[in-house]
Amino acid sequence: MQIPPSSHLAHIIKHYLILESNCNEPINYRLFSDGNPGMVFYFKTPLMQQGADQAYAHPNSFVYGQLTQYKDLVSTGKLDILVVVFQPYGLYALSGVASVELNDSLIKLNELFKSNAEDLEDRVLNESGIPNKIEHIENFVFKKLAGSSYPDNALTGALKLIDNSKGNISVAQLLHVLPITEKQLERRFNQFVGIGPKRFTAIVKLQYFLKNLQRHSQDVKIADAAYESGYYDQAHLNNYFKKNIGITPSAYKINNLLAINFMQV
């Protein structure tokens, strides 16, 4: 289930996701980038993730940066998860930490936001009802935004152009419209978003393709959805898909999805 944020925080929070599963058996999941960082709260069993040496359980609450490669996770019990999906620059606005430094990172709330985060975690995990939990989150975010650093018009303009084009725009086209050099644009994306404009644009384009797949009936041809999304080379799409998600578009289409970028495998 997807829930919009309060209007006064829509420039920082994209939406909230409620992810649930009542299965007690171990299930393998795959998470891949949707171009946004986020904040996670577990109300039941945290997922397990493979680390460098061994698997570890996620903390009860944490923030995560941009994903540069897909992650394989395992559930060992029932899932009840609240995800705060930020705008691409939202985590930088709240933390002041360059987004590129948080790529592929999973950081406990109290490690990034110190003592205030412990109170937030306690309130969200123990409050009853999703609206009340979200209210605590939004109060926390609103207070954190005081004195925050926001991206300039060049970056927000680039993000708007990319979104409006559904990812079908080149860096050269962005530079033709925006009063900024390629190096300056790259630097801003790394600082505020965590990845470069070319890579971010490719992620946005892929997300629109996945939405097209979901919108259409099960018998729609993948090639038709690909063409509608601006992919004119099926082989290129398949290669990009396997590199960034680890499966083919056909396999994705029949998977059990908890979110557009979080699926059972």
C-alpha atoms as a PDB file:
ATOM      1  CA  MET A   1       0.000   0.000   0.000  1.00  0.00           C
ATOM      2  CA  GLN A   2       1.273   3.448  -0.944  1.00  0.00           C
ATOM      3  CA  ILE A   3       0.396   6.564   1.079  1.00  0.00           C
ATOM      4  CA  PRO A   4       1.182  10.166   0.056  1.00  0.00           C
ATOM      5  CA  PRO A   5       2.900  12.524   2.517  1.00  0.00           C
ATOM      6  CA  SER A   6       1.486  15.753   3.877  1.00  0.00           C
ATOM      7  CA  SER A   7       1.600  18.455   1.206  1.00  0.00           C
ATOM      8  CA  HIS A   8       4.115  20.573   3.146  1.00  0.00           C
ATOM      9  CA  LEU A   9       6.623  17.682   3.087  1.00  0.00           C
ATOM     10  CA  ALA A  10       6.060  16.421  -0.467  1.00  0.00           C
ATOM     11  CA  HIS A  11       9.314  18.094  -1.536  1.00  0.00           C
ATOM     12  CA  ILE A  12      11.208  15.779   0.860  1.00  0.00           C
ATOM     13  CA  ILE A  13       9.047  12.645   1.181  1.00  0.00           C
ATOM     14  CA  LYS A  14       7.882  10.989  -2.039  1.00  0.00           C
ATOM     15  CA  HIS A  15       5.503   8.516  -0.397  1.00  0.00           C
ATOM     16  CA  TYR A  16       5.144   5.866   2.304  1.00  0.00           C
ATOM     17  CA  LEU A  17       5.012   2.135   1.587  1.00  0.00           C
ATOM     18  CA  ILE A  18       3.375  -0.502   3.763  1.00  0.00           C
ATOM     19  CA  LEU A  19       4.827  -3.953   2.991  1.00  0.00           C
ATOM     20  CA  GLU A  20       3.210  -7.006   4.574  1.00  0.00           C
ATOM     21  CA  SER A  21       3.474 -10.785   4.375  1.00  0.00           C
ATOM     22  CA  ASN A  22       1.935 -13.353   6.725  1.00  0.00           C
ATOM     23  CA  CYS A  23       4.175 -16.216   5.640  1.00  0.00           C
ATOM     24  CA  ASN A  24       6.292 -17.767   8.398  1.00  0.00           C
ATOM     25  CA  GLU A  25       8.409 -19.800   5.977  1.00  0.00           C
ATOM     26  CA  PRO A  26      11.746 -18.430   4.734  1.00  0.00           C
ATOM     27  CA  ILE A  27      11.282 -16.392   1.550  1.00  0.00           C
ATOM     28  CA  ASN A  28      13.959 -14.899  -0.689  1.00  0.00           C
ATOM     29  CA  TYR A  29      13.473 -11.317  -1.835  1.00  0.00           C
ATOM     30  CA  ARG A  30      15.334  -9.008  -4.161  1.00  0.00           C
ATOM     31  CA  LEU A  31      15.588  -5.250  -3.722  1.00  0.00           C
ATOM     32  CA  PHE A  32      16.882  -2.954  -6.458  1.00  0.00           C
ATOM     33  CA  SER A  33      17.153   0.770  -6.979  1.00  0.00           C
ATOM     34  CA  ASP A  34      14.180   3.018  -7.653  1.00  0.00           C
ATOM     35  CA  GLY A  35      16.395   6.133  -7.539  1.00  0.00           C
ATOM     36  CA  ASN A  36      15.379   7.154  -4.019  1.00  0.00           C
ATOM     37  CA  PRO A  37      16.872   6.773  -0.523  1.00  0.00           C
ATOM     38  CA  GLY A  38      14.606   5.897   2.385  1.00  0.00           C
ATOM     39  CA  MET A  39      13.904   5.160   6.031  1.00  0.00           C
ATOM     40  CA  VAL A  40      12.618   1.789   7.289  1.00  0.00           C
ATOM     41  CA  PHE A  41      10.707   0.628  10.367  1.00  0.00           C
ATOM     42  CA  TYR A  42      10.077  -3.064  11.133  1.00  0.00           C
ATOM     43  CA  PHE A  43       7.045  -3.934  13.260  1.00  0.00           C
ATOM     44  CA  LYS A  44       7.570  -7.702  13.069  1.00  0.00           C
ATOM     45  CA  THR A  45      10.529  -9.810  11.906  1.00  0.00           C
ATOM     46  CA  PRO A  46      13.410  -7.861  10.287  1.00  0.00           C
ATOM     47  CA  LEU A  47      14.794  -9.161   7.031  1.00  0.00           C
ATOM     48  CA  MET A  48      18.182 -10.873   6.827  1.00  0.00           C
ATOM     49  CA  GLN A  49      20.878  -9.555   4.500  1.00  0.00           C
ATOM     50  CA  GLN A  50      24.135 -11.150   3.411  1.00  0.00           C
ATOM     51  CA  GLY A  51      27.129  -9.160   4.593  1.00  0.00           C
ATOM     52  CA  ALA A  52      30.783  -9.479   3.628  1.00  0.00           C
ATOM     53  CA  ASP A  53      31.342 -12.420   5.992  1.00  0.00           C
ATOM     54  CA  GLN A  54      27.930 -13.599   7.155  1.00  0.00           C
ATOM     55  CA  ALA A  55      24.219 -12.833   7.086  1.00  0.00           C
ATOM     56  CA  TYR A  56      22.846 -10.314   9.576  1.00  0.00           C
ATOM     57  CA  ALA A  57      19.402  -9.113  10.598  1.00  0.00           C
ATOM     58  CA  HIS A  58      18.390  -5.575   9.754  1.00  0.00           C
ATOM     59  CA  PRO A  59      17.973  -3.251  12.755  1.00  0.00           C
ATOM     60  CA  ASN A  60      14.421  -2.311  13.740  1.00  0.00           C
ATOM     61  CA  SER A  61      14.845   1.093  12.118  1.00  0.00           C
ATOM     62  CA  PHE A  62      17.402   2.527   9.719  1.00  0.00           C
ATOM     63  CA  VAL A  63      17.997   4.747   6.710  1.00  0.00           C
ATOM     64  CA  TYR A  64      19.475   3.600   3.430  1.00  0.00           C
ATOM     65  CA  GLY A  65      21.199   5.461   0.615  1.00  0.00           C
ATOM     66  CA  GLN A  66      21.087   4.925  -3.117  1.00  0.00           C
ATOM     67  CA  LEU A  67      21.457   1.326  -4.257  1.00  0.00           C
ATOM     68  CA  THR A  68      24.100   0.851  -6.935  1.00  0.00           C
ATOM     69  CA  GLN A  69      23.458  -2.904  -7.161  1.00  0.00           C
ATOM     70  CA  TYR A  70      20.577  -5.171  -6.232  1.00  0.00           C
ATOM     71  CA  LYS A  71      20.415  -6.793  -2.777  1.00  0.00           C
ATOM     72  CA  ASP A  72      19.170 -10.267  -1.879  1.00  0.00           C
ATOM     73  CA  LEU A  73      17.241 -10.473   1.397  1.00  0.00           C
ATOM     74  CA  VAL A  74      15.558 -13.297   3.295  1.00  0.00           C
ATOM     75  CA  SER A  75      12.493 -13.182   5.526  1.00  0.00           C
ATOM     76  CA  THR A  76      12.403 -15.601   8.460  1.00  0.00           C
ATOM     77  CA  GLY A  77       8.949 -14.652   9.727  1.00  0.00           C
ATOM     78  CA  LYS A  78       5.965 -12.401   9.095  1.00  0.00           C
ATOM     79  CA  LEU A  79       6.686  -9.000   7.566  1.00  0.00           C
ATOM     80  CA  ASP A  80       5.167  -5.680   8.554  1.00  0.00           C
ATOM     81  CA  ILE A  81       7.309  -2.836   7.241  1.00  0.00           C
ATOM     82  CA  LEU A  82       6.847   0.909   6.927  1.00  0.00           C
ATOM     83  CA  VAL A  83       9.161   2.517   4.366  1.00  0.00           C
ATOM     84  CA  VAL A  84       9.548   6.277   4.084  1.00  0.00           C
ATOM     85  CA  VAL A  85      10.584   6.819   0.465  1.00  0.00           C
ATOM     86  CA  PHE A  86      12.402  10.142   0.192  1.00  0.00           C
ATOM     87  CA  GLN A  87      12.804  12.347  -2.823  1.00  0.00           C
ATOM     88  CA  PRO A  88      16.196  11.681  -4.475  1.00  0.00           C
ATOM     89  CA  TYR A  89      17.840  14.475  -2.449  1.00  0.00           C
ATOM     90  CA  GLY A  90      15.716  13.979   0.714  1.00  0.00           C
ATOM     91  CA  LEU A  91      18.301  12.153   2.796  1.00  0.00           C
ATOM     92  CA  TYR A  92      20.923  14.808   2.123  1.00  0.00           C
ATOM     93  CA  ALA A  93      18.461  17.531   3.162  1.00  0.00           C
ATOM     94  CA  LEU A  94      17.879  15.767   6.490  1.00  0.00           C
ATOM     95  CA  SER A  95      21.426  14.648   7.289  1.00  0.00           C
ATOM     96  CA  GLY A  96      23.750  17.058   5.511  1.00  0.00           C
ATOM     97  CA  VAL A  97      25.912  14.076   4.532  1.00  0.00           C
ATOM     98  CA  ALA A  98      26.928  13.925   0.871  1.00  0.00           C
ATOM     99  CA  SER A  99      24.636  11.337  -0.684  1.00  0.00           C
ATOM    100  CA  VAL A 100      27.441   9.606  -2.576  1.00  0.00           C
ATOM    101  CA  GLU A 101      28.952   8.679   0.812  1.00  0.00           C
ATOM    102  CA  LEU A 102      25.745   6.839   1.768  1.00  0.00           C
ATOM    103  CA  ASN A 103      25.455   4.710  -1.366  1.00  0.00           C
ATOM    104  CA  ASP A 104      24.637   1.061  -0.564  1.00  0.00           C
ATOM    105  CA  SER A 105      24.738   1.950   3.146  1.00  0.00           C
ATOM    106  CA  LEU A 106      22.329   0.849   5.847  1.00  0.00           C
ATOM    107  CA  ILE A 107      22.636   3.113   8.884  1.00  0.00           C
ATOM    108  CA  LYS A 108      20.795   2.895  12.193  1.00  0.00           C
ATOM    109  CA  LEU A 109      18.671   5.957  12.877  1.00  0.00           C
ATOM    110  CA  ASN A 110      20.521   6.860  16.052  1.00  0.00           C
ATOM    111  CA  GLU A 111      23.877   6.646  14.283  1.00  0.00           C
ATOM    112  CA  LEU A 112      22.848   9.236  11.689  1.00  0.00           C
ATOM    113  CA  PHE A 113      20.459  11.428  13.687  1.00  0.00           C
ATOM    114  CA  LYS A 114      21.790  10.834  17.242  1.00  0.00           C
ATOM    115  CA  SER A 115      19.537  11.054  20.315  1.00  0.00           C
ATOM    116  CA  ASN A 116      16.423  12.417  18.586  1.00  0.00           C
ATOM    117  CA  ALA A 117      16.222   9.237  16.530  1.00  0.00           C
ATOM    118  CA  GLU A 118      15.812   6.999  19.593  1.00  0.00           C
ATOM    119  CA  ASP A 119      12.650   8.874  20.531  1.00  0.00           C
ATOM    120  CA  LEU A 120      11.366   8.624  16.950  1.00  0.00           C
ATOM    121  CA  GLU A 121      11.979   4.872  16.801  1.00  0.00           C
ATOM    122  CA  ASP A 122      10.245   4.334  20.134  1.00  0.00           C
ATOM    123  CA  ARG A 123       7.208   6.385  19.088  1.00  0.00           C
ATOM    124  CA  VAL A 124       6.823   4.808  15.645  1.00  0.00           C
ATOM    125  CA  LEU A 125       7.343   1.204  16.746  1.00  0.00           C
ATOM    126  CA  ASN A 126       5.004   1.457  19.731  1.00  0.00           C
ATOM    127  CA  GLU A 127       2.307   3.758  18.354  1.00  0.00           C
ATOM    128  CA  SER A 128      -0.944   2.198  17.143  1.00  0.00           C
ATOM    129  CA  GLY A 129      -2.279   2.940  13.665  1.00  0.00           C
ATOM    130  CA  ILE A 130      -0.367   3.939  10.537  1.00  0.00           C
ATOM    131  CA  PRO A 131      -1.634   7.566  10.518  1.00  0.00           C
ATOM    132  CA  ASN A 132      -0.257   8.107  14.035  1.00  0.00           C
ATOM    133  CA  LYS A 133       3.082   6.518  13.104  1.00  0.00           C
ATOM    134  CA  ILE A 134       3.329   8.761  10.037  1.00  0.00           C
ATOM    135  CA  GLU A 135       2.514  11.814  12.133  1.00  0.00           C
ATOM    136  CA  HIS A 136       5.527  11.121  14.358  1.00  0.00           C
ATOM    137  CA  ILE A 137       7.749  10.678  11.308  1.00  0.00           C
ATOM    138  CA  GLU A 138       6.572  13.917   9.729  1.00  0.00           C
ATOM    139  CA  ASN A 139       7.057  15.874  12.959  1.00  0.00           C
ATOM    140  CA  PHE A 140      10.622  14.530  13.104  1.00  0.00           C
ATOM    141  CA  VAL A 141      11.317  15.372   9.455  1.00  0.00           C
ATOM    142  CA  PHE A 142       9.851  18.869   9.762  1.00  0.00           C
ATOM    143  CA  LYS A 143      12.091  19.677  12.731  1.00  0.00           C
ATOM    144  CA  LYS A 144      15.155  18.259  10.976  1.00  0.00           C
ATOM    145  CA  LEU A 145      14.593  20.488   7.972  1.00  0.00           C
ATOM    146  CA  ALA A 146      15.289  23.668   9.946  1.00  0.00           C
ATOM    147  CA  GLY A 147      18.535  25.019   8.530  1.00  0.00           C
ATOM    148  CA  SER A 148      18.863  22.185   6.025  1.00  0.00           C
ATOM    149  CA  SER A 149      20.670  22.498   2.708  1.00  0.00           C
ATOM    150  CA  TYR A 150      18.406  22.204  -0.301  1.00  0.00           C
ATOM    151  CA  PRO A 151      19.507  21.646  -3.876  1.00  0.00           C
ATOM    152  CA  ASP A 152      19.572  24.656  -6.171  1.00  0.00           C
ATOM    153  CA  ASN A 153      17.283  25.284  -9.117  1.00  0.00           C
ATOM    154  CA  ALA A 154      19.675  23.612 -11.548  1.00  0.00           C
ATOM    155  CA  LEU A 155      19.394  20.243  -9.808  1.00  0.00           C
ATOM    156  CA  THR A 156      15.679  20.420  -9.078  1.00  0.00           C
ATOM    157  CA  GLY A 157      15.160  21.560 -12.670  1.00  0.00           C
ATOM    158  CA  ALA A 158      17.131  18.563 -13.926  1.00  0.00           C
ATOM    159  CA  LEU A 159      15.104  16.171 -11.751  1.00  0.00           C
ATOM    160  CA  LYS A 160      11.856  17.664 -13.031  1.00  0.00           C
ATOM    161  CA  LEU A 161      12.955  17.370 -16.659  1.00  0.00           C
ATOM    162  CA  ILE A 162      14.009  13.755 -16.138  1.00  0.00           C
ATOM    163  CA  ASP A 163      10.718  12.870 -14.469  1.00  0.00           C
ATOM    164  CA  ASN A 164       8.591  14.698 -17.043  1.00  0.00           C
ATOM    165  CA  SER A 165      10.396  12.883 -19.857  1.00  0.00           C
ATOM    166  CA  LYS A 166      10.013   9.550 -18.023  1.00  0.00           C
ATOM    167  CA  GLY A 167      13.755   9.104 -18.267  1.00  0.00           C
ATOM    168  CA  ASN A 168      13.866   9.660 -22.016  1.00  0.00           C
ATOM    169  CA  ILE A 169      16.296  12.567 -21.994  1.00  0.00           C
ATOM    170  CA  SER A 170      20.051  12.750 -22.408  1.00  0.00           C
ATOM    171  CA  VAL A 171      22.566  14.679 -20.332  1.00  0.00           C
ATOM    172  CA  ALA A 172      23.271  16.801 -23.424  1.00  0.00           C
ATOM    173  CA  GLN A 173      19.591  17.732 -23.599  1.00  0.00           C
ATOM    174  CA  LEU A 174      19.592  18.653 -19.909  1.00  0.00           C
ATOM    175  CA  LEU A 175      22.637  20.876 -20.407  1.00  0.00           C
ATOM    176  CA  HIS A 176      20.977  22.562 -23.367  1.00  0.00           C
ATOM    177  CA  VAL A 177      18.141  23.717 -21.098  1.00  0.00           C
ATOM    178  CA  LEU A 178      19.890  24.278 -17.755  1.00  0.00           C
ATOM    179  CA  PRO A 179      22.412  27.055 -16.955  1.00  0.00           C
ATOM    180  CA  ILE A 180      25.081  24.617 -15.753  1.00  0.00           C
ATOM    181  CA  THR A 181      28.132  22.750 -17.039  1.00  0.00           C
ATOM    182  CA  GLU A 182      28.369  18.961 -17.240  1.00  0.00           C
ATOM    183  CA  LYS A 183      30.925  18.836 -14.401  1.00  0.00           C
ATOM    184  CA  GLN A 184      28.769  21.031 -12.193  1.00  0.00           C
ATOM    185  CA  LEU A 185      25.709  18.879 -12.865  1.00  0.00           C
ATOM    186  CA  GLU A 186      27.643  15.685 -12.111  1.00  0.00           C
ATOM    187  CA  ARG A 187      28.937  17.200  -8.860  1.00  0.00           C
ATOM    188  CA  ARG A 188      25.465  18.264  -7.738  1.00  0.00           C
ATOM    189  CA  PHE A 189      23.968  14.847  -8.482  1.00  0.00           C
ATOM    190  CA  ASN A 190      26.704  13.075  -6.524  1.00  0.00           C
ATOM    191  CA  GLN A 191      26.300  15.431  -3.567  1.00  0.00           C
ATOM    192  CA  PHE A 192      22.506  15.552  -3.364  1.00  0.00           C
ATOM    193  CA  VAL A 193      21.356  12.341  -5.091  1.00  0.00           C
ATOM    194  CA  GLY A 194      24.318   9.974  -4.783  1.00  0.00           C
ATOM    195  CA  ILE A 195      24.669   8.931  -8.423  1.00  0.00           C
ATOM    196  CA  GLY A 196      25.342  10.754 -11.677  1.00  0.00           C
ATOM    197  CA  PRO A 197      22.606  12.183 -13.938  1.00  0.00           C
ATOM    198  CA  LYS A 198      23.058   9.548 -16.667  1.00  0.00           C
ATOM    199  CA  ARG A 199      22.645   6.661 -14.240  1.00  0.00           C
ATOM    200  CA  PHE A 200      19.745   8.338 -12.443  1.00  0.00           C
ATOM    201  CA  THR A 201      17.956   8.940 -15.752  1.00  0.00           C
ATOM    202  CA  ALA A 202      18.338   5.257 -16.671  1.00  0.00           C
ATOM    203  CA  ILE A 203      16.768   4.247 -13.332  1.00  0.00           C
ATOM    204  CA  VAL A 204      13.807   6.580 -13.850  1.00  0.00           C
ATOM    205  CA  LYS A 205      13.279   5.178 -17.347  1.00  0.00           C
ATOM    206  CA  LEU A 206      13.356   1.615 -15.997  1.00  0.00           C
ATOM    207  CA  GLN A 207      10.849   2.494 -13.264  1.00  0.00           C
ATOM    208  CA  TYR A 208       8.388   3.835 -15.843  1.00  0.00           C
ATOM    209  CA  PHE A 209       8.820   0.646 -17.872  1.00  0.00           C
ATOM    210  CA  LEU A 210       8.037  -1.458 -14.788  1.00  0.00           C
ATOM    211  CA  LYS A 211       4.947   0.650 -14.103  1.00  0.00           C
ATOM    212  CA  ASN A 212       3.823   0.091 -17.681  1.00  0.00           C
ATOM    213  CA  LEU A 213       4.222  -3.654 -17.192  1.00  0.00           C
ATOM    214  CA  GLN A 214       2.076  -3.508 -14.050  1.00  0.00           C
ATOM    215  CA  ARG A 215      -0.611  -1.340 -15.621  1.00  0.00           C
ATOM    216  CA  HIS A 216      -1.189  -3.584 -18.594  1.00  0.00           C
ATOM    217  CA  SER A 217      -2.931  -6.934 -18.591  1.00  0.00           C
ATOM    218  CA  GLN A 218      -0.891 -10.074 -18.069  1.00  0.00           C
ATOM    219  CA  ASP A 219      -0.952 -10.919 -21.759  1.00  0.00           C
ATOM    220  CA  VAL A 220       0.699  -7.660 -22.894  1.00  0.00           C
ATOM    221  CA  LYS A 221       3.874  -8.185 -24.873  1.00  0.00           C
ATOM    222  CA  ILE A 222       6.996  -6.997 -23.101  1.00  0.00           C
ATOM    223  CA  ALA A 223       8.203  -5.521 -26.376  1.00  0.00           C
ATOM    224  CA  ASP A 224       5.097  -3.301 -26.516  1.00  0.00           C
ATOM    225  CA  ALA A 225       5.606  -2.026 -22.961  1.00  0.00           C
ATOM    226  CA  ALA A 226       9.297  -1.493 -23.740  1.00  0.00           C
ATOM    227  CA  TYR A 227       8.514   0.522 -26.874  1.00  0.00           C
ATOM    228  CA  GLU A 228       5.962   2.596 -24.960  1.00  0.00           C
ATOM    229  CA  SER A 229       8.657   3.368 -22.361  1.00  0.00           C
ATOM    230  CA  GLY A 230      11.209   4.488 -24.937  1.00  0.00           C
ATOM    231  CA  TYR A 231      13.210   1.261 -25.308  1.00  0.00           C
ATOM    232  CA  TYR A 232      13.744   0.532 -28.998  1.00  0.00           C
ATOM    233  CA  ASP A 233      16.306  -2.238 -28.574  1.00  0.00           C
ATOM    234  CA  GLN A 234      14.961  -5.325 -26.784  1.00  0.00           C
ATOM    235  CA  ALA A 235      18.450  -6.827 -26.403  1.00  0.00           C
ATOM    236  CA  HIS A 236      19.723  -3.669 -24.710  1.00  0.00           C
ATOM    237  CA  LEU A 237      16.758  -3.690 -22.321  1.00  0.00           C
ATOM    238  CA  ASN A 238      17.336  -7.352 -21.464  1.00  0.00           C
ATOM    239  CA  ASN A 239      21.035  -6.754 -20.760  1.00  0.00           C
ATOM    240  CA  TYR A 240      20.334  -3.697 -18.619  1.00  0.00           C
ATOM    241  CA  PHE A 241      17.603  -5.578 -16.775  1.00  0.00           C
ATOM    242  CA  LYS A 242      19.800  -8.564 -15.964  1.00  0.00           C
ATOM    243  CA  LYS A 243      22.670  -6.347 -14.854  1.00  0.00           C
ATOM    244  CA  ASN A 244      20.572  -4.187 -12.533  1.00  0.00           C
ATOM    245  CA  ILE A 245      17.879  -6.632 -11.351  1.00  0.00           C
ATOM    246  CA  GLY A 246      19.507  -9.990 -11.994  1.00  0.00           C
ATOM    247  CA  ILE A 247      16.598 -11.484 -13.950  1.00  0.00           C
ATOM    248  CA  THR A 248      14.901 -10.988 -17.308  1.00  0.00           C
ATOM    249  CA  PRO A 249      11.828  -8.781 -17.904  1.00  0.00           C
ATOM    250  CA  SER A 250       9.781 -11.959 -18.444  1.00  0.00           C
ATOM    251  CA  ALA A 251      10.821 -13.338 -15.048  1.00  0.00           C
ATOM    252  CA  TYR A 252      10.071 -10.001 -13.364  1.00  0.00           C
ATOM    253  CA  LYS A 253       6.591  -9.918 -14.867  1.00  0.00           C
ATOM    254  CA  ILE A 254       5.540 -13.177 -13.164  1.00  0.00           C
ATOM    255  CA  ASN A 255       7.198 -12.518  -9.793  1.00  0.00           C
ATOM    256  CA  ASN A 256       5.301 -11.810  -6.593  1.00  0.00           C
ATOM    257  CA  LEU A 257       5.889  -8.089  -5.961  1.00  0.00           C
ATOM    258  CA  LEU A 258       5.697  -6.368  -2.584  1.00  0.00           C
ATOM    259  CA  ALA A 259       6.746  -3.114  -4.267  1.00  0.00           C
ATOM    260  CA  ILE A 260       7.818  -2.199  -7.769  1.00  0.00           C
ATOM    261  CA  ASN A 261      11.484  -2.648  -6.761  1.00  0.00           C
ATOM    262  CA  PHE A 262      11.021  -5.316  -4.073  1.00  0.00           C
ATOM    263  CA  MET A 263       9.991  -8.793  -5.129  1.00  0.00           C
ATOM    264  CA  GLN A 264       9.978 -12.426  -4.168  1.00  0.00           C
ATOM    265  CA  VAL A 265      12.508 -14.540  -6.084  1.00  0.00           C
END
